[in-house]
Amino acid sequence: MAEKLVKYFELAGQHGGLPVKMRLAMKTAVSAQQAAQLPDSPELLERFYQASREILGANAKRL
């Protein structure tokens, strides 16, 4: 289970709700449901971090 990937969606939700979560899903090509099933691979974590930086700016965190 991808605990860190799911946390990226939680962080997005805290900083803008559903619209921001949808932007994260579009930029990463991974839905929140898929994120819960995928492994926390270094490649996916980097993709999520970069996308969250674009969307959240200074509020982005490397998980």
C-alpha atoms as a PDB file:
ATOM      1  CA  MET A   1       0.000   0.000   0.000  1.00  0.00           C
ATOM      2  CA  ALA A   2       1.232   3.462  -0.906  1.00  0.00           C
ATOM      3  CA  GLU A   3       1.016   5.413   2.318  1.00  0.00           C
ATOM      4  CA  LYS A   4       3.099   8.341   1.066  1.00  0.00           C
ATOM      5  CA  LEU A   5       1.237   8.663  -2.235  1.00  0.00           C
ATOM      6  CA  VAL A   6      -2.056   8.806  -0.341  1.00  0.00           C
ATOM      7  CA  LYS A   7      -0.585  11.501   1.926  1.00  0.00           C
ATOM      8  CA  TYR A   8       0.098  13.659  -1.133  1.00  0.00           C
ATOM      9  CA  PHE A   9      -3.627  13.546  -1.896  1.00  0.00           C
ATOM     10  CA  GLU A  10      -4.429  14.363   1.732  1.00  0.00           C
ATOM     11  CA  LEU A  11      -2.060  17.342   1.606  1.00  0.00           C
ATOM     12  CA  ALA A  12      -3.672  18.542  -1.619  1.00  0.00           C
ATOM     13  CA  GLY A  13      -7.092  18.237  -0.008  1.00  0.00           C
ATOM     14  CA  GLN A  14      -5.991  20.313   2.966  1.00  0.00           C
ATOM     15  CA  HIS A  15      -4.801  23.093   0.677  1.00  0.00           C
ATOM     16  CA  GLY A  16      -7.722  23.374  -1.677  1.00  0.00           C
ATOM     17  CA  GLY A  17     -10.093  20.462  -1.439  1.00  0.00           C
ATOM     18  CA  LEU A  18     -11.342  18.400  -4.335  1.00  0.00           C
ATOM     19  CA  PRO A  19     -10.219  20.748  -7.156  1.00  0.00           C
ATOM     20  CA  VAL A  20      -6.604  20.563  -5.979  1.00  0.00           C
ATOM     21  CA  LYS A  21      -6.797  16.787  -5.544  1.00  0.00           C
ATOM     22  CA  MET A  22      -8.092  16.548  -9.109  1.00  0.00           C
ATOM     23  CA  ARG A  23      -5.204  18.682 -10.400  1.00  0.00           C
ATOM     24  CA  LEU A  24      -2.752  16.383  -8.621  1.00  0.00           C
ATOM     25  CA  ALA A  25      -4.391  13.351 -10.207  1.00  0.00           C
ATOM     26  CA  MET A  26      -4.234  14.938 -13.664  1.00  0.00           C
ATOM     27  CA  LYS A  27      -0.573  15.975 -13.332  1.00  0.00           C
ATOM     28  CA  THR A  28       0.541  12.586 -12.010  1.00  0.00           C
ATOM     29  CA  ALA A  29      -1.816  10.449 -14.140  1.00  0.00           C
ATOM     30  CA  VAL A  30      -2.721   8.566 -10.949  1.00  0.00           C
ATOM     31  CA  SER A  31      -6.088   8.796  -9.207  1.00  0.00           C
ATOM     32  CA  ALA A  32      -6.452   8.765  -5.433  1.00  0.00           C
ATOM     33  CA  GLN A  33      -7.892   5.249  -5.623  1.00  0.00           C
ATOM     34  CA  GLN A  34      -4.981   4.042  -7.746  1.00  0.00           C
ATOM     35  CA  ALA A  35      -2.492   5.698  -5.398  1.00  0.00           C
ATOM     36  CA  ALA A  36      -3.781   3.575  -2.530  1.00  0.00           C
ATOM     37  CA  GLN A  37      -2.969   0.421  -4.515  1.00  0.00           C
ATOM     38  CA  LEU A  38       0.419   1.351  -5.997  1.00  0.00           C
ATOM     39  CA  PRO A  39       3.772   0.934  -4.241  1.00  0.00           C
ATOM     40  CA  ASP A  40       5.642   3.963  -2.909  1.00  0.00           C
ATOM     41  CA  SER A  41       8.335   3.664  -5.565  1.00  0.00           C
ATOM     42  CA  PRO A  42      11.022   6.363  -5.834  1.00  0.00           C
ATOM     43  CA  GLU A  43       9.805   7.259  -9.318  1.00  0.00           C
ATOM     44  CA  LEU A  44       6.192   7.774  -8.248  1.00  0.00           C
ATOM     45  CA  LEU A  45       7.206   9.684  -5.136  1.00  0.00           C
ATOM     46  CA  GLU A  46       9.295  12.049  -7.251  1.00  0.00           C
ATOM     47  CA  ARG A  47       6.442  12.511  -9.750  1.00  0.00           C
ATOM     48  CA  PHE A  48       4.041  13.339  -6.913  1.00  0.00           C
ATOM     49  CA  TYR A  49       6.505  15.709  -5.259  1.00  0.00           C
ATOM     50  CA  GLN A  50       7.142  17.614  -8.493  1.00  0.00           C
ATOM     51  CA  ALA A  51       3.421  17.858  -9.230  1.00  0.00           C
ATOM     52  CA  SER A  52       2.643  19.039  -5.709  1.00  0.00           C
ATOM     53  CA  ARG A  53       5.383  21.682  -5.989  1.00  0.00           C
ATOM     54  CA  GLU A  54       3.757  22.999  -9.162  1.00  0.00           C
ATOM     55  CA  ILE A  55       0.309  23.023  -7.572  1.00  0.00           C
ATOM     56  CA  LEU A  56       1.014  23.972  -3.947  1.00  0.00           C
ATOM     57  CA  GLY A  57       4.238  25.951  -4.254  1.00  0.00           C
ATOM     58  CA  ALA A  58       5.750  26.561  -0.807  1.00  0.00           C
ATOM     59  CA  ASN A  59       3.181  24.294   0.841  1.00  0.00           C
ATOM     60  CA  ALA A  60       4.573  21.215  -0.920  1.00  0.00           C
ATOM     61  CA  LYS A  61       6.491  18.684   1.155  1.00  0.00           C
ATOM     62  CA  ARG A  62       8.760  15.839   0.174  1.00  0.00           C
ATOM     63  CA  LEU A  63       7.285  12.752   1.803  1.00  0.00           C
END
